[in-house]
Amino acid sequence: MTADPAVRKTINLAFTGASGAQYGLRLLQCLLAAGCRVHLMVSRAAQVVIATETDLKLPGSPPAMQEYLAGLYGAGADQLLVFGREDWFAPPASGSGEPAPLVVCPCSTGTLSALATGASNNLIERAGDVALKERRTLILVPREAPYSEVHLENMLRLTRMGATIIPASPGFYHQPGSIEDLVDFIVARLLDHLGVDQTLMPRWGEERVQRKHGGQD
């Protein structure tokens, strides 16, 4: 599904080097399918993780990566833009850019640390710094076990700054039958927080409400 470019919702999305590449890739796929415009940033470590955890071999340059992912997920013209790690003229690099939410999925503990301390050594860190200072939606999806005191303190600090921490900890009450179901559990929560319609997972209580309206309860 491709929406009118004039009314597209823009989402800034970053992949970093934590395990859990499937979460970020599935989120990208769903955002594009929903007609969103996505500004994508991929760290070098994320490229290594994606090559390790999936069958995808992303090209190294942003233009080639953009073409590859757009073709893979059927993105419309200008719907997906991939930016390099030091592209300081990318929209996410400035508060004067489009006020779009940022999701870092997965979010490495190194990125957590950089964001918690205000580092801006690459575009992903700068985009997170911009989201915090501009009071924009910032969603971080860490995937680590166990968390050290440093990790927990950084997450608490970022939460107090206004970020939302959504650990990659899928639930089981929907009785998942596959790894894809577990991935979709987290991606559905992310889409809900972004205000993007999703049908991956029914919201809690929806089935009961539907039964009540249908006179089955």
N, C-alpha and C. Protein backbone atom coordinates (compact mmCIF):
# COMPACT_ATOMS: atom_id res chain seq x y z
N MET A 1 0.85 -1.19 0.00
CA MET A 1 0.00 0.00 0.00
C MET A 1 0.88 1.23 0.00
N THR A 2 0.62 2.15 -0.89
CA THR A 2 1.40 3.38 -0.98
C THR A 2 0.47 4.57 -0.83
N ALA A 3 0.76 5.43 0.11
CA ALA A 3 -0.10 6.58 0.38
C ALA A 3 0.30 7.77 -0.48
N ASP A 4 -0.58 8.77 -0.53
CA ASP A 4 -0.27 10.02 -1.20
C ASP A 4 0.92 10.66 -0.50
N PRO A 5 2.01 10.96 -1.24
CA PRO A 5 3.20 11.53 -0.61
C PRO A 5 2.89 12.79 0.20
N ALA A 6 1.84 13.52 -0.17
CA ALA A 6 1.53 14.77 0.52
C ALA A 6 1.02 14.53 1.94
N VAL A 7 0.53 13.32 2.22
CA VAL A 7 -0.03 13.07 3.55
C VAL A 7 0.70 11.95 4.27
N ARG A 8 1.83 11.55 3.77
CA ARG A 8 2.58 10.48 4.41
C ARG A 8 3.07 10.89 5.79
N LYS A 9 3.06 9.95 6.69
CA LYS A 9 3.66 10.15 8.01
C LYS A 9 5.12 9.77 7.89
N THR A 10 6.01 10.63 8.37
CA THR A 10 7.44 10.36 8.30
C THR A 10 7.91 9.76 9.62
N ILE A 11 8.69 8.70 9.53
CA ILE A 11 9.28 8.04 10.69
C ILE A 11 10.78 7.97 10.49
N ASN A 12 11.54 8.43 11.47
CA ASN A 12 12.98 8.22 11.48
C ASN A 12 13.26 6.88 12.16
N LEU A 13 14.01 6.02 11.51
CA LEU A 13 14.27 4.68 12.01
C LEU A 13 15.76 4.39 11.96
N ALA A 14 16.28 3.85 13.05
CA ALA A 14 17.71 3.51 13.12
C ALA A 14 17.89 2.07 13.54
N PHE A 15 18.81 1.39 12.86
CA PHE A 15 19.24 0.05 13.26
C PHE A 15 20.63 0.18 13.87
N THR A 16 20.83 -0.34 15.07
CA THR A 16 22.17 -0.36 15.66
C THR A 16 22.60 -1.81 15.89
N GLY A 17 23.73 -1.99 16.55
CA GLY A 17 24.38 -3.29 16.55
C GLY A 17 23.94 -4.28 17.61
N ALA A 18 22.78 -4.10 18.22
CA ALA A 18 22.27 -5.11 19.15
C ALA A 18 21.72 -6.30 18.36
N SER A 19 21.67 -7.45 19.01
CA SER A 19 20.97 -8.58 18.41
C SER A 19 19.49 -8.24 18.30
N GLY A 20 18.83 -8.85 17.33
CA GLY A 20 17.41 -8.57 17.13
C GLY A 20 17.15 -7.80 15.85
N ALA A 21 17.98 -8.04 14.84
CA ALA A 21 17.82 -7.34 13.56
C ALA A 21 16.43 -7.56 12.98
N GLN A 22 15.83 -8.72 13.26
CA GLN A 22 14.51 -9.04 12.70
C GLN A 22 13.45 -8.04 13.13
N TYR A 23 13.56 -7.50 14.34
CA TYR A 23 12.59 -6.51 14.81
C TYR A 23 12.64 -5.25 13.94
N GLY A 24 13.83 -4.76 13.70
CA GLY A 24 13.97 -3.54 12.92
C GLY A 24 13.55 -3.74 11.48
N LEU A 25 13.93 -4.85 10.88
CA LEU A 25 13.59 -5.10 9.49
C LEU A 25 12.08 -5.27 9.32
N ARG A 26 11.46 -5.96 10.25
CA ARG A 26 10.01 -6.14 10.17
C ARG A 26 9.28 -4.81 10.38
N LEU A 27 9.79 -4.00 11.29
CA LEU A 27 9.20 -2.68 11.49
C LEU A 27 9.31 -1.85 10.22
N LEU A 28 10.47 -1.87 9.58
CA LEU A 28 10.65 -1.14 8.32
C LEU A 28 9.64 -1.62 7.29
N GLN A 29 9.50 -2.93 7.15
CA GLN A 29 8.56 -3.49 6.19
C GLN A 29 7.13 -3.00 6.46
N CYS A 30 6.73 -3.01 7.73
CA CYS A 30 5.37 -2.61 8.08
C CYS A 30 5.14 -1.11 7.89
N LEU A 31 6.12 -0.30 8.21
CA LEU A 31 5.99 1.14 8.01
C LEU A 31 5.83 1.48 6.53
N LEU A 32 6.62 0.84 5.70
CA LEU A 32 6.51 1.08 4.26
C LEU A 32 5.17 0.59 3.73
N ALA A 33 4.73 -0.57 4.20
CA ALA A 33 3.43 -1.10 3.76
C ALA A 33 2.28 -0.20 4.18
N ALA A 34 2.45 0.50 5.31
CA ALA A 34 1.42 1.42 5.80
C ALA A 34 1.45 2.77 5.09
N GLY A 35 2.39 2.94 4.17
CA GLY A 35 2.46 4.18 3.41
C GLY A 35 3.31 5.27 4.05
N CYS A 36 4.04 4.94 5.11
CA CYS A 36 4.89 5.94 5.77
C CYS A 36 6.12 6.22 4.92
N ARG A 37 6.66 7.42 5.08
CA ARG A 37 7.98 7.75 4.55
C ARG A 37 8.98 7.44 5.66
N VAL A 38 10.03 6.71 5.34
CA VAL A 38 11.00 6.30 6.35
C VAL A 38 12.37 6.87 6.04
N HIS A 39 12.94 7.56 7.02
CA HIS A 39 14.33 8.01 6.98
C HIS A 39 15.14 6.98 7.77
N LEU A 40 15.92 6.18 7.08
CA LEU A 40 16.61 5.05 7.71
C LEU A 40 18.09 5.33 7.91
N MET A 41 18.57 4.97 9.10
CA MET A 41 19.99 5.08 9.44
C MET A 41 20.45 3.72 9.94
N VAL A 42 21.55 3.22 9.41
CA VAL A 42 22.03 1.87 9.73
C VAL A 42 23.49 1.96 10.14
N SER A 43 23.78 1.56 11.36
CA SER A 43 25.18 1.61 11.82
C SER A 43 25.98 0.49 11.17
N ARG A 44 27.29 0.62 11.22
CA ARG A 44 28.16 -0.42 10.67
C ARG A 44 27.98 -1.73 11.43
N ALA A 45 27.85 -1.63 12.76
CA ALA A 45 27.64 -2.84 13.56
C ALA A 45 26.31 -3.49 13.20
N ALA A 46 25.30 -2.68 12.90
CA ALA A 46 24.00 -3.24 12.51
C ALA A 46 24.11 -4.05 11.23
N GLN A 47 24.94 -3.58 10.29
CA GLN A 47 25.13 -4.33 9.05
C GLN A 47 25.73 -5.70 9.32
N VAL A 48 26.66 -5.75 10.28
CA VAL A 48 27.27 -7.03 10.65
C VAL A 48 26.23 -7.95 11.29
N VAL A 49 25.41 -7.39 12.18
CA VAL A 49 24.39 -8.19 12.86
C VAL A 49 23.36 -8.71 11.86
N ILE A 50 22.92 -7.85 10.94
CA ILE A 50 21.94 -8.27 9.93
C ILE A 50 22.49 -9.41 9.09
N ALA A 51 23.76 -9.33 8.71
CA ALA A 51 24.38 -10.40 7.92
C ALA A 51 24.49 -11.69 8.73
N THR A 52 24.62 -11.56 10.05
CA THR A 52 24.76 -12.73 10.92
C THR A 52 23.42 -13.38 11.24
N GLU A 53 22.39 -12.55 11.46
CA GLU A 53 21.11 -13.07 11.95
C GLU A 53 20.08 -13.32 10.84
N THR A 54 20.35 -12.84 9.63
CA THR A 54 19.39 -13.01 8.54
C THR A 54 20.14 -13.46 7.29
N ASP A 55 19.38 -13.70 6.23
CA ASP A 55 19.97 -14.06 4.95
C ASP A 55 20.27 -12.84 4.09
N LEU A 56 20.01 -11.64 4.63
CA LEU A 56 20.22 -10.42 3.86
C LEU A 56 21.68 -10.00 3.89
N LYS A 57 22.16 -9.52 2.79
CA LYS A 57 23.51 -8.96 2.68
C LYS A 57 23.36 -7.53 2.17
N LEU A 58 23.28 -6.60 3.10
CA LEU A 58 23.05 -5.22 2.71
C LEU A 58 24.26 -4.63 2.01
N PRO A 59 24.06 -3.89 0.94
CA PRO A 59 25.17 -3.17 0.31
C PRO A 59 25.75 -2.16 1.29
N GLY A 60 27.00 -1.80 1.10
CA GLY A 60 27.66 -0.92 2.05
C GLY A 60 27.30 0.54 1.94
N SER A 61 27.02 1.02 0.72
CA SER A 61 26.77 2.45 0.54
C SER A 61 25.29 2.75 0.75
N PRO A 62 24.97 3.93 1.30
CA PRO A 62 23.56 4.29 1.52
C PRO A 62 22.70 4.24 0.25
N PRO A 63 23.16 4.78 -0.90
CA PRO A 63 22.30 4.71 -2.09
C PRO A 63 22.00 3.27 -2.52
N ALA A 64 23.01 2.40 -2.47
CA ALA A 64 22.80 1.01 -2.86
C ALA A 64 21.90 0.30 -1.85
N MET A 65 22.08 0.59 -0.57
CA MET A 65 21.23 0.01 0.46
C MET A 65 19.79 0.46 0.28
N GLN A 66 19.61 1.73 -0.02
CA GLN A 66 18.27 2.28 -0.24
C GLN A 66 17.58 1.55 -1.40
N GLU A 67 18.29 1.39 -2.50
CA GLU A 67 17.72 0.71 -3.67
C GLU A 67 17.38 -0.74 -3.34
N TYR A 68 18.26 -1.40 -2.60
CA TYR A 68 18.06 -2.80 -2.26
C TYR A 68 16.84 -2.98 -1.36
N LEU A 69 16.75 -2.20 -0.30
CA LEU A 69 15.64 -2.33 0.65
C LEU A 69 14.32 -1.88 0.04
N ALA A 70 14.36 -0.83 -0.77
CA ALA A 70 13.14 -0.36 -1.43
C ALA A 70 12.58 -1.45 -2.34
N GLY A 71 13.46 -2.14 -3.06
CA GLY A 71 13.02 -3.23 -3.92
C GLY A 71 12.53 -4.42 -3.12
N LEU A 72 13.21 -4.71 -2.02
CA LEU A 72 12.85 -5.86 -1.18
C LEU A 72 11.47 -5.70 -0.59
N TYR A 73 11.13 -4.48 -0.14
CA TYR A 73 9.88 -4.25 0.55
C TYR A 73 8.84 -3.49 -0.28
N GLY A 74 9.12 -3.29 -1.55
CA GLY A 74 8.15 -2.67 -2.44
C GLY A 74 7.84 -1.22 -2.09
N ALA A 75 8.85 -0.45 -1.70
CA ALA A 75 8.64 0.95 -1.35
C ALA A 75 8.33 1.78 -2.58
N GLY A 76 7.47 2.77 -2.40
CA GLY A 76 7.15 3.68 -3.49
C GLY A 76 8.28 4.66 -3.72
N ALA A 77 8.15 5.44 -4.78
CA ALA A 77 9.17 6.43 -5.11
C ALA A 77 9.36 7.42 -3.97
N ASP A 78 10.60 7.62 -3.55
CA ASP A 78 10.96 8.57 -2.49
C ASP A 78 10.34 8.22 -1.13
N GLN A 79 9.87 6.97 -0.98
CA GLN A 79 9.27 6.58 0.30
C GLN A 79 10.33 6.17 1.31
N LEU A 80 11.46 5.67 0.84
CA LEU A 80 12.54 5.24 1.71
C LEU A 80 13.80 6.02 1.36
N LEU A 81 14.39 6.67 2.37
CA LEU A 81 15.66 7.38 2.21
C LEU A 81 16.64 6.83 3.24
N VAL A 82 17.80 6.41 2.79
CA VAL A 82 18.84 5.88 3.67
C VAL A 82 19.97 6.89 3.76
N PHE A 83 20.38 7.21 4.99
CA PHE A 83 21.41 8.22 5.22
C PHE A 83 22.65 7.60 5.84
N GLY A 84 23.82 8.11 5.45
CA GLY A 84 25.08 7.63 5.99
C GLY A 84 25.33 8.12 7.41
N ARG A 85 26.30 7.52 8.06
CA ARG A 85 26.54 7.76 9.49
C ARG A 85 27.03 9.18 9.78
N GLU A 86 27.55 9.88 8.78
CA GLU A 86 28.03 11.24 8.99
C GLU A 86 27.36 12.22 8.02
N ASP A 87 26.12 11.92 7.68
CA ASP A 87 25.37 12.81 6.78
C ASP A 87 24.68 13.87 7.64
N TRP A 88 25.40 14.93 7.96
CA TRP A 88 24.90 15.94 8.88
C TRP A 88 23.83 16.84 8.25
N PHE A 89 23.59 16.68 6.96
CA PHE A 89 22.54 17.45 6.30
C PHE A 89 21.24 16.65 6.18
N ALA A 90 21.22 15.43 6.74
CA ALA A 90 20.00 14.62 6.74
C ALA A 90 18.96 15.27 7.66
N PRO A 91 17.68 15.19 7.34
CA PRO A 91 16.64 15.81 8.17
C PRO A 91 16.70 15.45 9.65
N PRO A 92 17.00 14.18 10.03
CA PRO A 92 17.03 13.86 11.46
C PRO A 92 18.14 14.54 12.25
N ALA A 93 19.10 15.18 11.54
CA ALA A 93 20.27 15.74 12.20
C ALA A 93 20.03 17.11 12.81
N SER A 94 18.85 17.69 12.58
CA SER A 94 18.61 19.05 13.06
C SER A 94 17.19 19.21 13.57
N GLY A 95 17.05 20.04 14.61
CA GLY A 95 15.73 20.39 15.10
C GLY A 95 14.93 21.17 14.08
N SER A 96 15.60 21.72 13.07
CA SER A 96 14.91 22.44 12.01
C SER A 96 14.35 21.50 10.95
N GLY A 97 14.72 20.21 11.06
CA GLY A 97 14.20 19.23 10.12
C GLY A 97 12.77 18.85 10.45
N GLU A 98 12.19 17.99 9.64
CA GLU A 98 10.81 17.57 9.85
C GLU A 98 10.66 16.95 11.24
N PRO A 99 9.65 17.37 12.00
CA PRO A 99 9.47 16.87 13.38
C PRO A 99 8.91 15.46 13.41
N ALA A 100 9.73 14.49 13.03
CA ALA A 100 9.29 13.10 12.96
C ALA A 100 9.75 12.33 14.19
N PRO A 101 8.99 11.31 14.60
CA PRO A 101 9.45 10.46 15.69
C PRO A 101 10.66 9.64 15.26
N LEU A 102 11.43 9.20 16.26
CA LEU A 102 12.60 8.36 16.01
C LEU A 102 12.45 7.05 16.77
N VAL A 103 12.67 5.95 16.08
CA VAL A 103 12.71 4.63 16.70
C VAL A 103 14.09 4.04 16.46
N VAL A 104 14.76 3.60 17.53
CA VAL A 104 16.03 2.90 17.41
C VAL A 104 15.75 1.45 17.73
N CYS A 105 15.77 0.61 16.70
CA CYS A 105 15.31 -0.77 16.83
C CYS A 105 16.14 -1.70 15.95
N PRO A 106 16.96 -2.56 16.53
CA PRO A 106 17.24 -2.67 17.96
C PRO A 106 18.20 -1.57 18.40
N CYS A 107 18.21 -1.34 19.70
CA CYS A 107 19.06 -0.29 20.27
C CYS A 107 20.16 -0.94 21.10
N SER A 108 21.40 -0.76 20.71
CA SER A 108 22.52 -1.33 21.45
C SER A 108 22.71 -0.59 22.76
N THR A 109 23.36 -1.23 23.71
CA THR A 109 23.64 -0.57 24.99
C THR A 109 24.64 0.56 24.80
N GLY A 110 25.47 0.47 23.76
CA GLY A 110 26.37 1.59 23.45
C GLY A 110 25.60 2.81 23.01
N THR A 111 24.56 2.60 22.20
CA THR A 111 23.72 3.72 21.78
C THR A 111 22.95 4.28 22.95
N LEU A 112 22.46 3.42 23.83
CA LEU A 112 21.80 3.89 25.06
C LEU A 112 22.71 4.84 25.81
N SER A 113 23.96 4.42 25.98
CA SER A 113 24.92 5.23 26.72
C SER A 113 25.16 6.57 26.04
N ALA A 114 25.33 6.54 24.71
CA ALA A 114 25.58 7.78 23.97
C ALA A 114 24.41 8.74 24.10
N LEU A 115 23.19 8.24 23.99
CA LEU A 115 22.02 9.10 24.08
C LEU A 115 21.83 9.64 25.49
N ALA A 116 22.13 8.81 26.49
CA ALA A 116 21.95 9.23 27.88
C ALA A 116 22.94 10.31 28.27
N THR A 117 24.08 10.37 27.59
CA THR A 117 25.12 11.34 27.94
C THR A 117 25.25 12.48 26.93
N GLY A 118 24.38 12.50 25.92
CA GLY A 118 24.38 13.61 24.97
C GLY A 118 25.45 13.53 23.91
N ALA A 119 26.02 12.36 23.67
CA ALA A 119 27.02 12.23 22.61
C ALA A 119 26.35 12.35 21.25
N SER A 120 27.09 12.89 20.31
CA SER A 120 26.57 13.03 18.93
C SER A 120 27.70 12.74 17.95
N ASN A 121 28.25 11.54 18.07
CA ASN A 121 29.42 11.20 17.26
C ASN A 121 29.07 10.64 15.89
N ASN A 122 27.80 10.36 15.65
CA ASN A 122 27.36 9.91 14.34
C ASN A 122 25.91 10.34 14.16
N LEU A 123 25.35 10.08 12.99
CA LEU A 123 24.01 10.58 12.69
C LEU A 123 22.95 9.97 13.62
N ILE A 124 23.07 8.70 13.96
CA ILE A 124 22.07 8.08 14.84
C ILE A 124 22.07 8.75 16.20
N GLU A 125 23.26 8.96 16.76
CA GLU A 125 23.34 9.62 18.07
C GLU A 125 22.83 11.06 17.99
N ARG A 126 23.16 11.75 16.92
CA ARG A 126 22.68 13.12 16.75
C ARG A 126 21.16 13.15 16.60
N ALA A 127 20.60 12.20 15.86
CA ALA A 127 19.15 12.14 15.69
C ALA A 127 18.46 11.92 17.02
N GLY A 128 19.04 11.05 17.87
CA GLY A 128 18.48 10.84 19.19
C GLY A 128 18.59 12.08 20.06
N ASP A 129 19.71 12.78 19.96
CA ASP A 129 19.90 14.02 20.72
C ASP A 129 18.88 15.07 20.30
N VAL A 130 18.63 15.15 18.99
CA VAL A 130 17.63 16.09 18.48
C VAL A 130 16.24 15.73 19.00
N ALA A 131 15.90 14.45 18.96
CA ALA A 131 14.58 14.03 19.43
C ALA A 131 14.38 14.40 20.90
N LEU A 132 15.41 14.24 21.71
CA LEU A 132 15.31 14.57 23.13
C LEU A 132 15.18 16.07 23.35
N LYS A 133 16.03 16.85 22.68
CA LYS A 133 16.01 18.29 22.93
C LYS A 133 14.76 18.96 22.39
N GLU A 134 14.19 18.37 21.32
CA GLU A 134 12.99 18.93 20.72
C GLU A 134 11.71 18.35 21.33
N ARG A 135 11.87 17.44 22.30
CA ARG A 135 10.74 16.79 22.96
C ARG A 135 9.88 16.02 21.95
N ARG A 136 10.55 15.36 21.02
CA ARG A 136 9.85 14.53 20.05
C ARG A 136 9.78 13.09 20.53
N THR A 137 8.92 12.32 19.92
CA THR A 137 8.81 10.90 20.28
C THR A 137 10.13 10.19 19.99
N LEU A 138 10.67 9.53 21.02
CA LEU A 138 11.88 8.73 20.89
C LEU A 138 11.62 7.38 21.52
N ILE A 139 11.65 6.33 20.71
CA ILE A 139 11.40 4.97 21.18
C ILE A 139 12.67 4.16 21.01
N LEU A 140 13.10 3.54 22.09
CA LEU A 140 14.33 2.75 22.09
C LEU A 140 13.98 1.29 22.40
N VAL A 141 14.53 0.38 21.62
CA VAL A 141 14.22 -1.05 21.75
C VAL A 141 15.50 -1.82 22.08
N PRO A 142 15.90 -1.83 23.36
CA PRO A 142 17.11 -2.57 23.73
C PRO A 142 16.88 -4.08 23.71
N ARG A 143 17.93 -4.82 23.43
CA ARG A 143 17.86 -6.28 23.43
C ARG A 143 19.18 -6.78 24.03
N GLU A 144 19.17 -6.99 25.32
CA GLU A 144 20.38 -7.42 26.04
C GLU A 144 19.94 -8.26 27.22
N ALA A 145 20.78 -9.14 27.70
CA ALA A 145 20.45 -9.92 28.89
C ALA A 145 21.73 -10.49 29.49
N PRO A 146 21.94 -10.29 30.79
CA PRO A 146 21.16 -9.42 31.67
C PRO A 146 21.57 -7.96 31.47
N TYR A 147 20.78 -7.05 32.03
CA TYR A 147 21.13 -5.64 32.01
C TYR A 147 22.00 -5.32 33.22
N SER A 148 23.08 -4.60 32.98
CA SER A 148 23.93 -4.17 34.08
C SER A 148 23.33 -2.94 34.75
N GLU A 149 23.91 -2.55 35.87
CA GLU A 149 23.45 -1.34 36.55
C GLU A 149 23.59 -0.12 35.63
N VAL A 150 24.67 -0.09 34.85
CA VAL A 150 24.88 1.02 33.91
C VAL A 150 23.75 1.07 32.88
N HIS A 151 23.40 -0.09 32.31
CA HIS A 151 22.32 -0.12 31.33
C HIS A 151 21.01 0.37 31.93
N LEU A 152 20.71 -0.11 33.13
CA LEU A 152 19.46 0.26 33.78
C LEU A 152 19.43 1.76 34.13
N GLU A 153 20.56 2.26 34.59
CA GLU A 153 20.62 3.69 34.90
C GLU A 153 20.45 4.53 33.65
N ASN A 154 21.04 4.09 32.54
CA ASN A 154 20.88 4.83 31.29
C ASN A 154 19.43 4.81 30.82
N MET A 155 18.78 3.67 30.95
CA MET A 155 17.37 3.59 30.55
C MET A 155 16.50 4.47 31.44
N LEU A 156 16.79 4.48 32.74
CA LEU A 156 16.03 5.35 33.65
C LEU A 156 16.26 6.81 33.30
N ARG A 157 17.52 7.17 33.04
CA ARG A 157 17.83 8.56 32.70
C ARG A 157 17.11 8.98 31.42
N LEU A 158 17.11 8.11 30.42
CA LEU A 158 16.44 8.43 29.16
C LEU A 158 14.93 8.50 29.32
N THR A 159 14.37 7.62 30.15
CA THR A 159 12.94 7.67 30.41
C THR A 159 12.57 9.00 31.05
N ARG A 160 13.38 9.47 31.98
CA ARG A 160 13.12 10.75 32.63
C ARG A 160 13.25 11.91 31.65
N MET A 161 14.06 11.72 30.60
CA MET A 161 14.21 12.76 29.57
C MET A 161 13.03 12.77 28.60
N GLY A 162 12.21 11.72 28.64
CA GLY A 162 11.05 11.68 27.76
C GLY A 162 11.03 10.54 26.76
N ALA A 163 12.11 9.74 26.72
CA ALA A 163 12.14 8.61 25.80
C ALA A 163 11.23 7.49 26.31
N THR A 164 10.80 6.64 25.40
CA THR A 164 10.03 5.45 25.75
C THR A 164 10.91 4.23 25.50
N ILE A 165 11.07 3.41 26.53
CA ILE A 165 11.88 2.19 26.42
C ILE A 165 10.93 1.02 26.21
N ILE A 166 11.07 0.34 25.08
CA ILE A 166 10.28 -0.86 24.81
C ILE A 166 11.25 -2.01 24.57
N PRO A 167 11.61 -2.74 25.62
CA PRO A 167 12.55 -3.85 25.44
C PRO A 167 11.99 -4.90 24.48
N ALA A 168 12.86 -5.56 23.78
CA ALA A 168 12.43 -6.63 22.87
C ALA A 168 12.11 -7.87 23.69
N SER A 169 11.02 -7.79 24.45
CA SER A 169 10.59 -8.88 25.34
C SER A 169 9.16 -9.25 24.97
N PRO A 170 8.98 -10.11 23.99
CA PRO A 170 7.62 -10.43 23.53
C PRO A 170 6.81 -11.19 24.57
N GLY A 171 5.51 -10.97 24.54
CA GLY A 171 4.60 -11.70 25.40
C GLY A 171 4.21 -13.02 24.77
N PHE A 172 3.48 -13.82 25.54
CA PHE A 172 3.07 -15.14 25.07
C PHE A 172 1.58 -15.38 25.20
N TYR A 173 0.83 -14.36 25.67
CA TYR A 173 -0.60 -14.57 25.87
C TYR A 173 -1.36 -14.70 24.56
N HIS A 174 -0.73 -14.33 23.44
CA HIS A 174 -1.38 -14.51 22.14
C HIS A 174 -1.06 -15.87 21.54
N GLN A 175 -0.39 -16.74 22.32
CA GLN A 175 -0.05 -18.11 21.91
C GLN A 175 0.69 -18.13 20.57
N PRO A 176 1.90 -17.56 20.55
CA PRO A 176 2.67 -17.51 19.30
C PRO A 176 2.99 -18.91 18.80
N GLY A 177 2.93 -19.06 17.49
CA GLY A 177 3.25 -20.34 16.89
C GLY A 177 4.53 -20.34 16.09
N SER A 178 5.21 -19.19 16.04
CA SER A 178 6.42 -19.09 15.24
C SER A 178 7.28 -17.94 15.76
N ILE A 179 8.52 -17.90 15.30
CA ILE A 179 9.39 -16.78 15.63
C ILE A 179 8.81 -15.49 15.08
N GLU A 180 8.20 -15.57 13.91
CA GLU A 180 7.59 -14.39 13.30
C GLU A 180 6.51 -13.80 14.20
N ASP A 181 5.74 -14.66 14.87
CA ASP A 181 4.71 -14.18 15.79
C ASP A 181 5.32 -13.42 16.96
N LEU A 182 6.46 -13.89 17.44
CA LEU A 182 7.14 -13.20 18.55
C LEU A 182 7.67 -11.85 18.09
N VAL A 183 8.23 -11.79 16.90
CA VAL A 183 8.71 -10.52 16.35
C VAL A 183 7.54 -9.56 16.17
N ASP A 184 6.44 -10.06 15.64
CA ASP A 184 5.29 -9.20 15.37
C ASP A 184 4.68 -8.64 16.65
N PHE A 185 4.81 -9.36 17.76
CA PHE A 185 4.29 -8.85 19.04
C PHE A 185 4.94 -7.51 19.36
N ILE A 186 6.26 -7.44 19.25
CA ILE A 186 6.98 -6.21 19.55
C ILE A 186 6.71 -5.15 18.49
N VAL A 187 6.72 -5.54 17.23
CA VAL A 187 6.51 -4.58 16.15
C VAL A 187 5.12 -3.96 16.25
N ALA A 188 4.13 -4.75 16.63
CA ALA A 188 2.78 -4.22 16.80
C ALA A 188 2.74 -3.15 17.88
N ARG A 189 3.46 -3.38 19.00
CA ARG A 189 3.51 -2.38 20.06
C ARG A 189 4.17 -1.10 19.57
N LEU A 190 5.22 -1.25 18.78
CA LEU A 190 5.90 -0.07 18.25
C LEU A 190 4.98 0.72 17.32
N LEU A 191 4.28 0.03 16.46
CA LEU A 191 3.36 0.70 15.55
C LEU A 191 2.26 1.42 16.32
N ASP A 192 1.76 0.79 17.38
CA ASP A 192 0.74 1.44 18.21
C ASP A 192 1.27 2.73 18.82
N HIS A 193 2.50 2.68 19.32
CA HIS A 193 3.08 3.88 19.93
C HIS A 193 3.35 4.98 18.89
N LEU A 194 3.54 4.58 17.65
CA LEU A 194 3.78 5.56 16.57
C LEU A 194 2.48 6.07 15.96
N GLY A 195 1.36 5.50 16.37
CA GLY A 195 0.08 5.91 15.80
C GLY A 195 -0.13 5.43 14.38
N VAL A 196 0.50 4.30 14.04
CA VAL A 196 0.37 3.71 12.71
C VAL A 196 -0.56 2.50 12.81
N ASP A 197 -1.61 2.48 12.00
CA ASP A 197 -2.55 1.37 12.04
C ASP A 197 -1.84 0.05 11.79
N GLN A 198 -2.24 -0.97 12.53
CA GLN A 198 -1.62 -2.29 12.36
C GLN A 198 -2.65 -3.38 12.61
N THR A 199 -2.44 -4.50 11.93
CA THR A 199 -3.29 -5.67 12.12
C THR A 199 -2.46 -6.89 12.52
N LEU A 200 -1.24 -6.65 12.97
CA LEU A 200 -0.37 -7.75 13.36
C LEU A 200 -0.86 -8.45 14.62
N MET A 201 -1.42 -7.67 15.53
CA MET A 201 -1.78 -8.17 16.84
C MET A 201 -3.03 -7.46 17.34
N PRO A 202 -4.07 -8.19 17.75
CA PRO A 202 -5.25 -7.50 18.32
C PRO A 202 -4.88 -6.83 19.63
N ARG A 203 -5.45 -5.65 19.86
CA ARG A 203 -5.19 -4.96 21.11
C ARG A 203 -5.93 -5.65 22.25
N TRP A 204 -5.38 -5.52 23.42
CA TRP A 204 -5.94 -6.19 24.60
C TRP A 204 -7.41 -5.78 24.78
N GLY A 205 -8.28 -6.77 24.88
CA GLY A 205 -9.70 -6.51 25.11
C GLY A 205 -10.52 -6.32 23.86
N GLU A 206 -9.89 -6.20 22.69
CA GLU A 206 -10.64 -5.95 21.46
C GLU A 206 -11.63 -7.07 21.15
N GLU A 207 -11.18 -8.31 21.32
CA GLU A 207 -12.06 -9.43 21.00
C GLU A 207 -13.28 -9.44 21.90
N ARG A 208 -13.10 -9.11 23.18
CA ARG A 208 -14.24 -9.08 24.09
C ARG A 208 -15.22 -7.97 23.71
N VAL A 209 -14.67 -6.81 23.33
CA VAL A 209 -15.54 -5.70 22.90
C VAL A 209 -16.33 -6.10 21.67
N GLN A 210 -15.67 -6.76 20.73
CA GLN A 210 -16.36 -7.20 19.52
C GLN A 210 -17.45 -8.20 19.84
N ARG A 211 -17.19 -9.11 20.77
CA ARG A 211 -18.22 -10.09 21.17
C ARG A 211 -19.40 -9.40 21.82
N LYS A 212 -19.12 -8.39 22.66
CA LYS A 212 -20.20 -7.65 23.32
C LYS A 212 -21.09 -6.95 22.29
N HIS A 213 -20.43 -6.30 21.32
CA HIS A 213 -21.20 -5.60 20.30
C HIS A 213 -21.97 -6.58 19.43
N GLY A 214 -21.43 -7.81 19.33
CA GLY A 214 -22.11 -8.80 18.53
C GLY A 214 -23.12 -9.62 19.32
N GLY A 215 -23.28 -9.27 20.61
CA GLY A 215 -24.25 -9.98 21.44
C GLY A 215 -23.86 -11.39 21.79
N GLN A 216 -22.52 -11.66 21.82
CA GLN A 216 -22.06 -13.02 22.11
C GLN A 216 -21.54 -13.18 23.51
N ASP A 217 -21.64 -12.18 24.34
CA ASP A 217 -21.06 -12.25 25.68
C ASP A 217 -22.15 -12.16 26.74
